[in-house]
């Protein structure tokens, strides 16, 4: 699914999932999801507003990771789409999304050298 980083001025404030994606990919019974950010795995809580027209994920660790990746074309402008790829029950990998429509998931160096998935 395609998602976008949300900005408050020039700082990342969260991840916008979208109303249709929230309905399609998330159960209302989910209190939290796991996000795989390169080698990091974080658990992010979902508020009741997530299913009530505000399908957003807010977590300081997620925001710092997004800012470090510089996932926008121009500072303080429209963010580049990201891919949230299902990776198990209540778990998703977050990856950049190329213009050709492919998700680019980076592998951790140690796992790539051993031929294991990250």
PDB file of N, CA and C in Angstrom:
ATOM      1  N   UNK A   1       0.840  -1.177   0.000  1.00  0.00           N
ATOM      2  CA  UNK A   1       0.000   0.000   0.000  1.00  0.00           C
ATOM      3  C   UNK A   1       0.880   1.233   0.000  1.00  0.00           C
ATOM      4  N   UNK A   2       0.427   2.280  -0.638  1.00  0.00           N
ATOM      5  CA  UNK A   2       1.166   3.536  -0.667  1.00  0.00           C
ATOM      6  C   UNK A   2       0.734   4.420   0.497  1.00  0.00           C
ATOM      7  N   UNK A   3       1.712   5.007   1.177  1.00  0.00           N
ATOM      8  CA  UNK A   3       1.485   5.919   2.292  1.00  0.00           C
ATOM      9  C   UNK A   3       2.385   7.133   2.092  1.00  0.00           C
ATOM     10  N   UNK A   4       2.195   8.168   2.896  1.00  0.00           N
ATOM     11  CA  UNK A   4       3.013   9.373   2.781  1.00  0.00           C
ATOM     12  C   UNK A   4       3.405   9.872   4.157  1.00  0.00           C
ATOM     13  N   UNK A   5       4.612  10.428   4.237  1.00  0.00           N
ATOM     14  CA  UNK A   5       5.033  11.096   5.465  1.00  0.00           C
ATOM     15  C   UNK A   5       4.211  12.374   5.604  1.00  0.00           C
ATOM     16  N   UNK A   6       3.859  12.705   6.836  1.00  0.00           N
ATOM     17  CA  UNK A   6       3.129  13.942   7.107  1.00  0.00           C
ATOM     18  C   UNK A   6       4.107  14.966   7.641  1.00  0.00           C
ATOM     19  N   UNK A   7       3.888  16.204   7.298  1.00  0.00           N
ATOM     20  CA  UNK A   7       4.781  17.274   7.726  1.00  0.00           C
ATOM     21  C   UNK A   7       4.029  18.329   8.509  1.00  0.00           C
ATOM     22  N   UNK A   8       4.694  18.842   9.538  1.00  0.00           N
ATOM     23  CA  UNK A   8       4.233  19.993  10.299  1.00  0.00           C
ATOM     24  C   UNK A   8       5.296  21.053  10.056  1.00  0.00           C
ATOM     25  N   UNK A   9       5.075  21.896   9.070  1.00  0.00           N
ATOM     26  CA  UNK A   9       6.124  22.804   8.617  1.00  0.00           C
ATOM     27  C   UNK A   9       7.155  21.990   7.853  1.00  0.00           C
ATOM     28  N   UNK A  10       8.397  22.028   8.304  1.00  0.00           N
ATOM     29  CA  UNK A  10       9.469  21.273   7.643  1.00  0.00           C
ATOM     30  C   UNK A  10       9.827  19.995   8.398  1.00  0.00           C
ATOM     31  N   UNK A  11       9.160  19.713   9.509  1.00  0.00           N
ATOM     32  CA  UNK A  11       9.455  18.513  10.295  1.00  0.00           C
ATOM     33  C   UNK A  11       8.423  17.431  10.030  1.00  0.00           C
ATOM     34  N   UNK A  12       8.892  16.190  10.018  1.00  0.00           N
ATOM     35  CA  UNK A  12       7.991  15.058   9.851  1.00  0.00           C
ATOM     36  C   UNK A  12       7.199  14.888  11.141  1.00  0.00           C
ATOM     37  N   UNK A  13       5.874  14.759  11.010  1.00  0.00           N
ATOM     38  CA  UNK A  13       5.024  14.608  12.194  1.00  0.00           C
ATOM     39  C   UNK A  13       4.371  13.237  12.281  1.00  0.00           C
ATOM     40  N   UNK A  14       4.487  12.435  11.224  1.00  0.00           N
ATOM     41  CA  UNK A  14       3.879  11.108  11.259  1.00  0.00           C
ATOM     42  C   UNK A  14       3.773  10.517   9.871  1.00  0.00           C
ATOM     43  N   UNK A  15       2.954   9.491   9.776  1.00  0.00           N
ATOM     44  CA  UNK A  15       2.753   8.776   8.525  1.00  0.00           C
ATOM     45  C   UNK A  15       1.262   8.764   8.224  1.00  0.00           C
ATOM     46  N   UNK A  16       0.881   9.223   7.041  1.00  0.00           N
ATOM     47  CA  UNK A  16      -0.518   9.228   6.627  1.00  0.00           C
ATOM     48  C   UNK A  16      -0.786   7.967   5.824  1.00  0.00           C
ATOM     49  N   UNK A  17      -1.667   7.116   6.342  1.00  0.00           N
ATOM     50  CA  UNK A  17      -1.978   5.830   5.719  1.00  0.00           C
ATOM     51  C   UNK A  17      -3.076   5.969   4.673  1.00  0.00           C
ATOM     52  N   UNK A  18      -4.039   6.821   4.920  1.00  0.00           N
ATOM     53  CA  UNK A  18      -5.170   7.000   4.007  1.00  0.00           C
ATOM     54  C   UNK A  18      -6.379   6.225   4.474  1.00  0.00           C
ATOM     55  N   UNK A  19      -7.540   6.800   4.248  1.00  0.00           N
ATOM     56  CA  UNK A  19      -8.799   6.207   4.712  1.00  0.00           C
ATOM     57  C   UNK A  19      -9.036   4.839   4.077  1.00  0.00           C
ATOM     58  N   UNK A  20      -8.870   4.738   2.759  1.00  0.00           N
ATOM     59  CA  UNK A  20      -9.115   3.457   2.086  1.00  0.00           C
ATOM     60  C   UNK A  20      -8.134   2.375   2.538  1.00  0.00           C
ATOM     61  N   UNK A  21      -6.863   2.722   2.706  1.00  0.00           N
ATOM     62  CA  UNK A  21      -5.875   1.753   3.197  1.00  0.00           C
ATOM     63  C   UNK A  21      -6.200   1.305   4.615  1.00  0.00           C
ATOM     64  N   UNK A  22      -6.640   2.233   5.458  1.00  0.00           N
ATOM     65  CA  UNK A  22      -6.988   1.884   6.837  1.00  0.00           C
ATOM     66  C   UNK A  22      -8.116   0.859   6.862  1.00  0.00           C
ATOM     67  N   UNK A  23      -9.125   1.074   6.037  1.00  0.00           N
ATOM     68  CA  UNK A  23     -10.252   0.143   5.978  1.00  0.00           C
ATOM     69  C   UNK A  23      -9.853  -1.205   5.400  1.00  0.00           C
ATOM     70  N   UNK A  24      -8.966  -1.178   4.410  1.00  0.00           N
ATOM     71  CA  UNK A  24      -8.614  -2.404   3.693  1.00  0.00           C
ATOM     72  C   UNK A  24      -7.579  -3.268   4.413  1.00  0.00           C
ATOM     73  N   UNK A  25      -6.572  -2.648   5.024  1.00  0.00           N
ATOM     74  CA  UNK A  25      -5.432  -3.400   5.543  1.00  0.00           C
ATOM     75  C   UNK A  25      -5.348  -3.509   7.065  1.00  0.00           C
ATOM     76  N   UNK A  26      -6.203  -2.792   7.784  1.00  0.00           N
ATOM     77  CA  UNK A  26      -6.102  -2.773   9.236  1.00  0.00           C
ATOM     78  C   UNK A  26      -7.416  -3.195   9.874  1.00  0.00           C
ATOM     79  N   UNK A  27      -7.309  -4.048  10.879  1.00  0.00           N
ATOM     80  CA  UNK A  27      -8.474  -4.476  11.643  1.00  0.00           C
ATOM     81  C   UNK A  27      -8.721  -3.469  12.759  1.00  0.00           C
ATOM     82  N   UNK A  28      -9.983  -3.184  13.018  1.00  0.00           N
ATOM     83  CA  UNK A  28     -10.312  -2.264  14.111  1.00  0.00           C
ATOM     84  C   UNK A  28      -9.919  -2.847  15.468  1.00  0.00           C
ATOM     85  N   UNK A  29      -9.610  -4.127  15.508  1.00  0.00           N
ATOM     86  CA  UNK A  29      -9.160  -4.764  16.753  1.00  0.00           C
ATOM     87  C   UNK A  29      -7.673  -4.523  17.017  1.00  0.00           C
ATOM     88  N   UNK A  30      -6.961  -3.981  16.036  1.00  0.00           N
ATOM     89  CA  UNK A  30      -5.531  -3.707  16.207  1.00  0.00           C
ATOM     90  C   UNK A  30      -5.352  -2.499  17.122  1.00  0.00           C
ATOM     91  N   UNK A  31      -4.619  -2.686  18.189  1.00  0.00           N
ATOM     92  CA  UNK A  31      -4.281  -1.564  19.062  1.00  0.00           C
ATOM     93  C   UNK A  31      -2.938  -0.972  18.660  1.00  0.00           C
ATOM     94  N   UNK A  32      -2.109  -1.800  17.999  1.00  0.00           N
ATOM     95  CA  UNK A  32      -0.779  -1.360  17.588  1.00  0.00           C
ATOM     96  C   UNK A  32      -0.318  -2.197  16.401  1.00  0.00           C
ATOM     97  N   UNK A  33       0.671  -1.670  15.689  1.00  0.00           N
ATOM     98  CA  UNK A  33       1.298  -2.427  14.601  1.00  0.00           C
ATOM     99  C   UNK A  33       2.811  -2.382  14.801  1.00  0.00           C
ATOM    100  N   UNK A  34       3.483  -3.327  14.182  1.00  0.00           N
ATOM    101  CA  UNK A  34       4.938  -3.322  14.183  1.00  0.00           C
ATOM    102  C   UNK A  34       5.394  -2.784  12.840  1.00  0.00           C
ATOM    103  N   UNK A  35       6.321  -1.835  12.887  1.00  0.00           N
ATOM    104  CA  UNK A  35       6.917  -1.307  11.664  1.00  0.00           C
ATOM    105  C   UNK A  35       8.380  -1.727  11.618  1.00  0.00           C
ATOM    106  N   UNK A  36       8.782  -2.253  10.468  1.00  0.00           N
ATOM    107  CA  UNK A  36      10.172  -2.627  10.247  1.00  0.00           C
ATOM    108  C   UNK A  36      10.809  -1.509   9.422  1.00  0.00           C
ATOM    109  N   UNK A  37      11.751  -0.823  10.040  1.00  0.00           N
ATOM    110  CA  UNK A  37      12.428   0.322   9.424  1.00  0.00           C
ATOM    111  C   UNK A  37      13.900  -0.047   9.284  1.00  0.00           C
ATOM    112  N   UNK A  38      14.280  -0.541   8.120  1.00  0.00           N
ATOM    113  CA  UNK A  38      15.624  -1.078   7.917  1.00  0.00           C
ATOM    114  C   UNK A  38      15.854  -2.153   8.979  1.00  0.00           C
ATOM    115  N   UNK A  39      16.837  -1.967   9.849  1.00  0.00           N
ATOM    116  CA  UNK A  39      17.138  -2.972  10.864  1.00  0.00           C
ATOM    117  C   UNK A  39      16.357  -2.751  12.161  1.00  0.00           C
ATOM    118  N   UNK A  40      15.590  -1.678  12.245  1.00  0.00           N
ATOM    119  CA  UNK A  40      14.811  -1.367  13.446  1.00  0.00           C
ATOM    120  C   UNK A  40      13.418  -1.968  13.351  1.00  0.00           C
ATOM    121  N   UNK A  41      12.898  -2.378  14.493  1.00  0.00           N
ATOM    122  CA  UNK A  41      11.503  -2.814  14.602  1.00  0.00           C
ATOM    123  C   UNK A  41      10.891  -2.037  15.748  1.00  0.00           C
ATOM    124  N   UNK A  42       9.844  -1.299  15.441  1.00  0.00           N
ATOM    125  CA  UNK A  42       9.185  -0.514  16.481  1.00  0.00           C
ATOM    126  C   UNK A  42       7.700  -0.841  16.487  1.00  0.00           C
ATOM    127  N   UNK A  43       7.097  -0.703  17.646  1.00  0.00           N
ATOM    128  CA  UNK A  43       5.657  -0.890  17.772  1.00  0.00           C
ATOM    129  C   UNK A  43       5.026   0.484  17.894  1.00  0.00           C
ATOM    130  N   UNK A  44       4.037   0.730  17.056  1.00  0.00           N
ATOM    131  CA  UNK A  44       3.343   2.020  17.032  1.00  0.00           C
ATOM    132  C   UNK A  44       1.878   1.793  17.383  1.00  0.00           C
ATOM    133  N   UNK A  45       1.388   2.554  18.328  1.00  0.00           N
ATOM    134  CA  UNK A  45      -0.012   2.462  18.713  1.00  0.00           C
ATOM    135  C   UNK A  45      -0.916   3.124  17.686  1.00  0.00           C
ATOM    136  N   UNK A  46      -2.134   2.599  17.576  1.00  0.00           N
ATOM    137  CA  UNK A  46      -3.151   3.173  16.695  1.00  0.00           C
ATOM    138  C   UNK A  46      -4.257   3.740  17.570  1.00  0.00           C
ATOM    139  N   UNK A  47      -4.568   5.015  17.368  1.00  0.00           N
ATOM    140  CA  UNK A  47      -5.604   5.659  18.176  1.00  0.00           C
ATOM    141  C   UNK A  47      -6.983   5.355  17.594  1.00  0.00           C
ATOM    142  N   UNK A  48      -8.048   5.557  18.363  1.00  0.00           N
ATOM    143  CA  UNK A  48      -9.404   5.381  17.810  1.00  0.00           C
ATOM    144  C   UNK A  48      -9.659   6.280  16.599  1.00  0.00           C
ATOM    145  N   UNK A  49      -8.975   7.417  16.518  1.00  0.00           N
ATOM    146  CA  UNK A  49      -9.135   8.327  15.380  1.00  0.00           C
ATOM    147  C   UNK A  49      -8.616   7.719  14.077  1.00  0.00           C
ATOM    148  N   UNK A  50      -7.774   6.680  14.190  1.00  0.00           N
ATOM    149  CA  UNK A  50      -7.214   6.038  13.004  1.00  0.00           C
ATOM    150  C   UNK A  50      -8.328   5.550  12.074  1.00  0.00           C
ATOM    151  N   UNK A  51      -9.416   5.041  12.655  1.00  0.00           N
ATOM    152  CA  UNK A  51     -10.536   4.532  11.849  1.00  0.00           C
ATOM    153  C   UNK A  51     -11.668   5.553  11.729  1.00  0.00           C
ATOM    154  N   UNK A  52     -11.464   6.724  12.274  1.00  0.00           N
ATOM    155  CA  UNK A  52     -12.497   7.751  12.256  1.00  0.00           C
ATOM    156  C   UNK A  52     -12.049   8.968  11.451  1.00  0.00           C
ATOM    157  N   UNK A  53     -11.498   8.707  10.253  1.00  0.00           N
ATOM    158  CA  UNK A  53     -11.141   9.792   9.352  1.00  0.00           C
ATOM    159  C   UNK A  53      -9.752  10.372   9.517  1.00  0.00           C
ATOM    160  N   UNK A  54      -8.968   9.876  10.489  1.00  0.00           N
ATOM    161  CA  UNK A  54      -7.601  10.368  10.682  1.00  0.00           C
ATOM    162  C   UNK A  54      -6.630   9.187  10.708  1.00  0.00           C
ATOM    163  N   UNK A  55      -6.472   8.491   9.584  1.00  0.00           N
ATOM    164  CA  UNK A  55      -5.619   7.297   9.533  1.00  0.00           C
ATOM    165  C   UNK A  55      -4.132   7.662   9.502  1.00  0.00           C
ATOM    166  N   UNK A  56      -3.641   8.047  10.673  1.00  0.00           N
ATOM    167  CA  UNK A  56      -2.270   8.525  10.807  1.00  0.00           C
ATOM    168  C   UNK A  56      -1.560   7.734  11.888  1.00  0.00           C
ATOM    169  N   UNK A  57      -0.254   7.567  11.699  1.00  0.00           N
ATOM    170  CA  UNK A  57       0.578   6.910  12.693  1.00  0.00           C
ATOM    171  C   UNK A  57       1.583   7.936  13.175  1.00  0.00           C
ATOM    172  N   UNK A  58       1.599   8.166  14.490  1.00  0.00           N
ATOM    173  CA  UNK A  58       2.514   9.146  15.078  1.00  0.00           C
ATOM    174  C   UNK A  58       3.407   8.427  16.085  1.00  0.00           C
ATOM    175  N   UNK A  59       4.704   8.523  15.873  1.00  0.00           N
ATOM    176  CA  UNK A  59       5.673   7.933  16.793  1.00  0.00           C
ATOM    177  C   UNK A  59       6.987   8.694  16.607  1.00  0.00           C
ATOM    178  N   UNK A  60       7.605   9.149  17.679  1.00  0.00           N
ATOM    179  CA  UNK A  60       8.844   9.920  17.538  1.00  0.00           C
ATOM    180  C   UNK A  60       9.959   9.147  16.829  1.00  0.00           C
ATOM    181  N   UNK A  61      10.061   7.841  17.061  1.00  0.00           N
ATOM    182  CA  UNK A  61      11.110   7.039  16.412  1.00  0.00           C
ATOM    183  C   UNK A  61      10.863   6.944  14.914  1.00  0.00           C
ATOM    184  N   UNK A  62       9.610   6.794  14.518  1.00  0.00           N
ATOM    185  CA  UNK A  62       9.248   6.762  13.098  1.00  0.00           C
ATOM    186  C   UNK A  62       9.596   8.098  12.444  1.00  0.00           C
ATOM    187  N   UNK A  63       9.266   9.201  13.098  1.00  0.00           N
ATOM    188  CA  UNK A  63       9.542  10.533  12.549  1.00  0.00           C
ATOM    189  C   UNK A  63      11.044  10.743  12.360  1.00  0.00           C
ATOM    190  N   UNK A  64      11.828  10.349  13.348  1.00  0.00           N
ATOM    191  CA  UNK A  64      13.287  10.500  13.223  1.00  0.00           C
ATOM    192  C   UNK A  64      13.822   9.658  12.075  1.00  0.00           C
ATOM    193  N   UNK A  65      13.307   8.438  11.911  1.00  0.00           N
ATOM    194  CA  UNK A  65      13.755   7.568  10.827  1.00  0.00           C
ATOM    195  C   UNK A  65      13.397   8.186   9.476  1.00  0.00           C
ATOM    196  N   UNK A  66      12.173   8.684   9.339  1.00  0.00           N
ATOM    197  CA  UNK A  66      11.744   9.307   8.086  1.00  0.00           C
ATOM    198  C   UNK A  66      12.593  10.536   7.770  1.00  0.00           C
ATOM    199  N   UNK A  67      12.868  11.357   8.770  1.00  0.00           N
ATOM    200  CA  UNK A  67      13.704  12.536   8.544  1.00  0.00           C
ATOM    201  C   UNK A  67      15.116  12.136   8.128  1.00  0.00           C
ATOM    202  N   UNK A  68      15.636  11.074   8.712  1.00  0.00           N
ATOM    203  CA  UNK A  68      17.000  10.644   8.368  1.00  0.00           C
ATOM    204  C   UNK A  68      17.087  10.124   6.938  1.00  0.00           C
ATOM    205  N   UNK A  69      15.986   9.603   6.408  1.00  0.00           N
ATOM    206  CA  UNK A  69      15.960   9.075   5.042  1.00  0.00           C
ATOM    207  C   UNK A  69      15.702  10.158   4.010  1.00  0.00           C
ATOM    208  N   UNK A  70      15.248  11.339   4.467  1.00  0.00           N
ATOM    209  CA  UNK A  70      15.000  12.458   3.559  1.00  0.00           C
ATOM    210  C   UNK A  70      14.045  12.042   2.431  1.00  0.00           C
ATOM    211  N   UNK A  71      12.921  11.423   2.791  1.00  0.00           N
ATOM    212  CA  UNK A  71      11.945  10.934   1.821  1.00  0.00           C
ATOM    213  C   UNK A  71      11.043  12.043   1.301  1.00  0.00           C
ATOM    214  N   UNK A  72      11.618  13.076   0.722  1.00  0.00           N
ATOM    215  CA  UNK A  72      10.822  14.101   0.052  1.00  0.00           C
ATOM    216  C   UNK A  72      11.651  14.666  -1.083  1.00  0.00           C
ATOM    217  N   UNK A  73      10.973  15.133  -2.100  1.00  0.00           N
ATOM    218  CA  UNK A  73      11.662  15.633  -3.286  1.00  0.00           C
ATOM    219  C   UNK A  73      12.338  16.970  -3.016  1.00  0.00           C
ATOM    220  N   UNK A  74      11.671  17.840  -2.320  1.00  0.00           N
ATOM    221  CA  UNK A  74      12.207  19.147  -1.974  1.00  0.00           C
ATOM    222  C   UNK A  74      11.842  19.422  -0.518  1.00  0.00           C
ATOM    223  N   UNK A  75      12.737  20.033   0.264  1.00  0.00           N
ATOM    224  CA  UNK A  75      12.412  20.326   1.662  1.00  0.00           C
ATOM    225  C   UNK A  75      11.101  21.090   1.785  1.00  0.00           C
ATOM    226  N   UNK A  76      10.299  20.711   2.744  1.00  0.00           N
ATOM    227  CA  UNK A  76       9.020  21.358   3.068  1.00  0.00           C
ATOM    228  C   UNK A  76       8.014  21.289   1.915  1.00  0.00           C
ATOM    229  N   UNK A  77       8.158  20.323   1.025  1.00  0.00           N
ATOM    230  CA  UNK A  77       7.240  20.188  -0.110  1.00  0.00           C
ATOM    231  C   UNK A  77       6.555  18.831  -0.065  1.00  0.00           C
ATOM    232  N   UNK A  78       5.950  18.461  -1.159  1.00  0.00           N
ATOM    233  CA  UNK A  78       5.219  17.212  -1.255  1.00  0.00           C
ATOM    234  C   UNK A  78       6.136  16.020  -1.016  1.00  0.00           C
ATOM    235  N   UNK A  79       5.789  15.134  -0.068  1.00  0.00           N
ATOM    236  CA  UNK A  79       6.632  13.981   0.199  1.00  0.00           C
ATOM    237  C   UNK A  79       6.517  12.926  -0.900  1.00  0.00           C
ATOM    238  N   UNK A  80       7.579  12.180  -1.065  1.00  0.00           N
ATOM    239  CA  UNK A  80       7.603  11.070  -2.003  1.00  0.00           C
ATOM    240  C   UNK A  80       6.782   9.929  -1.398  1.00  0.00           C
ATOM    241  N   UNK A  81       5.988   9.212  -2.195  1.00  0.00           N
ATOM    242  CA  UNK A  81       5.230   8.084  -1.645  1.00  0.00           C
ATOM    243  C   UNK A  81       6.155   7.008  -1.088  1.00  0.00           C
ATOM    244  N   UNK A  82       5.669   6.331  -0.058  1.00  0.00           N
ATOM    245  CA  UNK A  82       6.374   5.213   0.557  1.00  0.00           C
ATOM    246  C   UNK A  82       5.501   3.975   0.441  1.00  0.00           C
ATOM    247  N   UNK A  83       6.112   2.827   0.499  1.00  0.00           N
ATOM    248  CA  UNK A  83       5.374   1.564   0.463  1.00  0.00           C
ATOM    249  C   UNK A  83       5.366   0.955   1.856  1.00  0.00           C
ATOM    250  N   UNK A  84       4.190   0.543   2.304  1.00  0.00           N
ATOM    251  CA  UNK A  84       4.054  -0.240   3.536  1.00  0.00           C
ATOM    252  C   UNK A  84       3.717  -1.646   3.079  1.00  0.00           C
ATOM    253  N   UNK A  85       4.653  -2.564   3.287  1.00  0.00           N
ATOM    254  CA  UNK A  85       4.536  -3.912   2.769  1.00  0.00           C
ATOM    255  C   UNK A  85       4.192  -4.865   3.912  1.00  0.00           C
ATOM    256  N   UNK A  86       3.073  -5.591   3.837  1.00  0.00           N
ATOM    257  CA  UNK A  86       2.747  -6.547   4.897  1.00  0.00           C
ATOM    258  C   UNK A  86       3.899  -7.528   5.108  1.00  0.00           C
ATOM    259  N   UNK A  87       4.245  -7.744   6.396  1.00  0.00           N
ATOM    260  CA  UNK A  87       5.374  -8.615   6.728  1.00  0.00           C
ATOM    261  C   UNK A  87       5.023  -9.536   7.891  1.00  0.00           C
ATOM    262  N   UNK A  88       3.765  -9.937   7.979  1.00  0.00           N
ATOM    263  CA  UNK A  88       3.318 -10.793   9.071  1.00  0.00           C
ATOM    264  C   UNK A  88       2.101 -10.179   9.730  1.00  0.00           C
ATOM    265  N   UNK A  89       1.623 -10.839  10.775  1.00  0.00           N
ATOM    266  CA  UNK A  89       0.432 -10.362  11.472  1.00  0.00           C
ATOM    267  C   UNK A  89       0.729  -9.031  12.159  1.00  0.00           C
ATOM    268  N   UNK A  90      -0.023  -8.007  11.788  1.00  0.00           N
ATOM    269  CA  UNK A  90       0.117  -6.656  12.344  1.00  0.00           C
ATOM    270  C   UNK A  90       1.526  -6.085  12.156  1.00  0.00           C
ATOM    271  N   UNK A  91       2.229  -6.533  11.134  1.00  0.00           N
ATOM    272  CA  UNK A  91       3.599  -6.100  10.894  1.00  0.00           C
ATOM    273  C   UNK A  91       3.763  -5.641   9.446  1.00  0.00           C
ATOM    274  N   UNK A  92       4.518  -4.548   9.264  1.00  0.00           N
ATOM    275  CA  UNK A  92       4.729  -3.973   7.940  1.00  0.00           C
ATOM    276  C   UNK A  92       6.169  -3.498   7.812  1.00  0.00           C
ATOM    277  N   UNK A  93       6.720  -3.631   6.602  1.00  0.00           N
ATOM    278  CA  UNK A  93       8.011  -3.033   6.264  1.00  0.00           C
ATOM    279  C   UNK A  93       7.723  -1.710   5.590  1.00  0.00           C
ATOM    280  N   UNK A  94       8.491  -0.706   5.948  1.00  0.00           N
ATOM    281  CA  UNK A  94       8.355   0.595   5.303  1.00  0.00           C
ATOM    282  C   UNK A  94       9.536   0.767   4.366  1.00  0.00           C
ATOM    283  N   UNK A  95       9.261   1.105   3.113  1.00  0.00           N
ATOM    284  CA  UNK A  95      10.312   1.218   2.097  1.00  0.00           C
ATOM    285  C   UNK A  95      10.028   2.391   1.182  1.00  0.00           C
ATOM    286  N   UNK A  96      11.081   2.868   0.525  1.00  0.00           N
ATOM    287  CA  UNK A  96      10.887   3.921  -0.471  1.00  0.00           C
ATOM    288  C   UNK A  96      10.170   3.319  -1.672  1.00  0.00           C
ATOM    289  N   UNK A  97       9.539   4.178  -2.440  1.00  0.00           N
ATOM    290  CA  UNK A  97       8.767   3.746  -3.598  1.00  0.00           C
ATOM    291  C   UNK A  97       9.318   4.462  -4.810  1.00  0.00           C
ATOM    292  N   UNK A  98       9.857   3.717  -5.770  1.00  0.00           N
ATOM    293  CA  UNK A  98      10.460   4.332  -6.950  1.00  0.00           C
ATOM    294  C   UNK A  98       9.388   4.796  -7.924  1.00  0.00           C
ATOM    295  N   UNK A  99       9.752   5.659  -8.829  1.00  0.00           N
ATOM    296  CA  UNK A  99       8.818   6.175  -9.835  1.00  0.00           C
ATOM    297  C   UNK A  99       8.331   5.087 -10.784  1.00  0.00           C
ATOM    298  N   UNK A 100       9.070   3.987 -10.891  1.00  0.00           N
ATOM    299  CA  UNK A 100       8.640   2.884 -11.753  1.00  0.00           C
ATOM    300  C   UNK A 100       7.603   2.014 -11.064  1.00  0.00           C
ATOM    301  N   UNK A 101       7.262   2.339  -9.811  1.00  0.00           N
ATOM    302  CA  UNK A 101       6.234   1.582  -9.116  1.00  0.00           C
ATOM    303  C   UNK A 101       6.759   0.407  -8.331  1.00  0.00           C
ATOM    304  N   UNK A 102       8.066   0.355  -8.077  1.00  0.00           N
ATOM    305  CA  UNK A 102       8.640  -0.739  -7.310  1.00  0.00           C
ATOM    306  C   UNK A 102       9.008  -0.263  -5.917  1.00  0.00           C
ATOM    307  N   UNK A 103       8.743  -1.092  -4.927  1.00  0.00           N
ATOM    308  CA  UNK A 103       9.191  -0.788  -3.578  1.00  0.00           C
ATOM    309  C   UNK A 103      10.647  -1.179  -3.470  1.00  0.00           C
ATOM    310  N   UNK A 104      11.429  -0.318  -2.856  1.00  0.00           N
ATOM    311  CA  UNK A 104      12.849  -0.605  -2.679  1.00  0.00           C
ATOM    312  C   UNK A 104      13.091  -0.873  -1.205  1.00  0.00           C
ATOM    313  N   UNK A 105      13.212  -2.145  -0.844  1.00  0.00           N
ATOM    314  CA  UNK A 105      13.473  -2.528   0.529  1.00  0.00           C
ATOM    315  C   UNK A 105      14.962  -2.748   0.668  1.00  0.00           C
ATOM    316  N   UNK A 106      15.562  -2.037   1.596  1.00  0.00           N
ATOM    317  CA  UNK A 106      16.993  -2.183   1.817  1.00  0.00           C
ATOM    318  C   UNK A 106      17.248  -3.347   2.754  1.00  0.00           C
ATOM    319  N   UNK A 107      18.308  -4.071   2.485  1.00  0.00           N
ATOM    320  CA  UNK A 107      18.688  -5.187   3.340  1.00  0.00           C
ATOM    321  C   UNK A 107      19.783  -4.735   4.284  1.00  0.00           C
ATOM    322  N   UNK A 108      19.766  -5.254   5.484  1.00  0.00           N
ATOM    323  CA  UNK A 108      20.827  -4.966   6.441  1.00  0.00           C
ATOM    324  C   UNK A 108      22.109  -5.592   5.921  1.00  0.00           C
ATOM    325  N   UNK A 109      23.274  -4.926   6.037  1.00  0.00           N
ATOM    326  CA  UNK A 109      24.514  -5.447   5.485  1.00  0.00           C
ATOM    327  C   UNK A 109      24.868  -6.863   5.958  1.00  0.00           C
ATOM    328  N   UNK A 110      24.714  -7.151   7.237  1.00  0.00           N
ATOM    329  CA  UNK A 110      25.066  -8.473   7.740  1.00  0.00           C
ATOM    330  C   UNK A 110      24.156  -9.549   7.161  1.00  0.00           C
ATOM    331  N   UNK A 111      22.854  -9.261   7.092  1.00  0.00           N
ATOM    332  CA  UNK A 111      21.910 -10.235   6.560  1.00  0.00           C
ATOM    333  C   UNK A 111      22.142 -10.448   5.067  1.00  0.00           C
ATOM    334  N   UNK A 112      22.449  -9.382   4.352  1.00  0.00           N
ATOM    335  CA  UNK A 112      22.685  -9.495   2.904  1.00  0.00           C
ATOM    336  C   UNK A 112      23.940 -10.327   2.637  1.00  0.00           C
ATOM    337  N   UNK A 113      24.962 -10.133   3.462  1.00  0.00           N
ATOM    338  CA  UNK A 113      26.202 -10.888   3.265  1.00  0.00           C
ATOM    339  C   UNK A 113      25.999 -12.369   3.528  1.00  0.00           C
ATOM    340  N   UNK A 114      25.080 -12.698   4.447  1.00  0.00           N
ATOM    341  CA  UNK A 114      24.810 -14.093   4.772  1.00  0.00           C
ATOM    342  C   UNK A 114      23.727 -14.687   3.888  1.00  0.00           C
ATOM    343  N   UNK A 115      23.138 -13.860   3.021  1.00  0.00           N
ATOM    344  CA  UNK A 115      22.085 -14.347   2.134  1.00  0.00           C
ATOM    345  C   UNK A 115      20.760 -14.542   2.815  1.00  0.00           C
ATOM    346  N   UNK A 116      20.558 -13.899   3.974  1.00  0.00           N
ATOM    347  CA  UNK A 116      19.310 -14.027   4.734  1.00  0.00           C
ATOM    348  C   UNK A 116      18.487 -12.764   4.547  1.00  0.00           C
ATOM    349  N   UNK A 117      17.169 -12.887   4.581  1.00  0.00           N
ATOM    350  CA  UNK A 117      16.335 -11.691   4.480  1.00  0.00           C
ATOM    351  C   UNK A 117      16.521 -10.834   5.712  1.00  0.00           C
ATOM    352  N   UNK A 118      16.422  -9.532   5.529  1.00  0.00           N
ATOM    353  CA  UNK A 118      16.583  -8.583   6.648  1.00  0.00           C
ATOM    354  C   UNK A 118      15.384  -8.610   7.544  1.00  0.00           C
TER     355      UNK A 118
END
